[in-house]
């Protein structure tokens, strides 16, 4: 039997979708940030979530 083909399984797959509504000004700022830091929008939003979660109370 031949081995399975396709992408290998990830250790921590990103399998949860979240929908966020932004006003146009916030979206433009996000896009500018992403372009300046060479990030995708999803990566930038994950970074923001980590900042909030790692914040000391």
Protein backbone atom coordinates (compact mmCIF):
# COMPACT_ATOMS: atom_id res chain seq x y z
CA UNK A 1 0.00 0.00 0.00
CA UNK A 2 1.41 3.42 -0.90
CA UNK A 3 1.93 6.13 1.77
CA UNK A 4 -0.67 8.83 2.20
CA UNK A 5 -0.15 11.92 0.09
CA UNK A 6 -0.90 15.52 0.91
CA UNK A 7 0.16 17.99 3.54
CA UNK A 8 1.52 16.62 6.82
CA UNK A 9 -0.60 17.07 9.92
CA UNK A 10 0.23 20.10 12.08
CA UNK A 11 0.91 19.89 15.81
CA UNK A 12 -1.45 22.80 16.50
CA UNK A 13 -3.84 23.25 13.56
CA UNK A 14 -5.73 26.53 13.21
CA UNK A 15 -9.20 25.07 12.92
CA UNK A 16 -11.33 27.77 14.57
CA UNK A 17 -12.76 30.58 12.43
CA UNK A 18 -13.68 33.93 13.96
CA UNK A 19 -15.47 36.67 12.08
CA UNK A 20 -14.68 40.27 13.05
CA UNK A 21 -16.40 43.39 11.76
CA UNK A 22 -14.24 46.50 11.47
CA UNK A 23 -14.95 50.04 10.40
CA UNK A 24 -13.06 51.19 7.30
CA UNK A 25 -10.59 53.36 9.25
CA UNK A 26 -9.57 50.49 11.53
CA UNK A 27 -9.28 48.17 8.52
CA UNK A 28 -7.00 50.64 6.73
CA UNK A 29 -4.79 50.94 9.82
CA UNK A 30 -4.63 47.14 10.07
CA UNK A 31 -3.67 46.81 6.40
CA UNK A 32 -0.96 49.46 6.79
CA UNK A 33 0.42 47.66 9.86
CA UNK A 34 0.42 44.34 8.02
CA UNK A 35 2.19 45.80 5.01
CA UNK A 36 4.82 47.57 7.15
CA UNK A 37 5.50 44.43 9.22
CA UNK A 38 5.11 41.87 6.42
CA UNK A 39 2.24 40.04 8.17
CA UNK A 40 -1.08 38.65 7.07
CA UNK A 41 -4.20 40.09 8.66
CA UNK A 42 -4.77 36.81 10.50
CA UNK A 43 -1.22 36.81 11.90
CA UNK A 44 -1.59 40.43 13.04
CA UNK A 45 -4.89 39.66 14.77
CA UNK A 46 -3.40 36.58 16.47
CA UNK A 47 -0.52 38.76 17.65
CA UNK A 48 -3.05 41.20 19.15
CA UNK A 49 -4.88 38.39 20.92
CA UNK A 50 -1.59 37.13 22.40
CA UNK A 51 -0.79 40.65 23.62
CA UNK A 52 -4.13 40.84 25.42
CA UNK A 53 -3.84 37.34 26.91
CA UNK A 54 -0.25 37.85 28.09
CA UNK A 55 -1.09 41.19 29.72
CA UNK A 56 -0.60 41.18 33.48
CA UNK A 57 -3.75 41.85 35.46
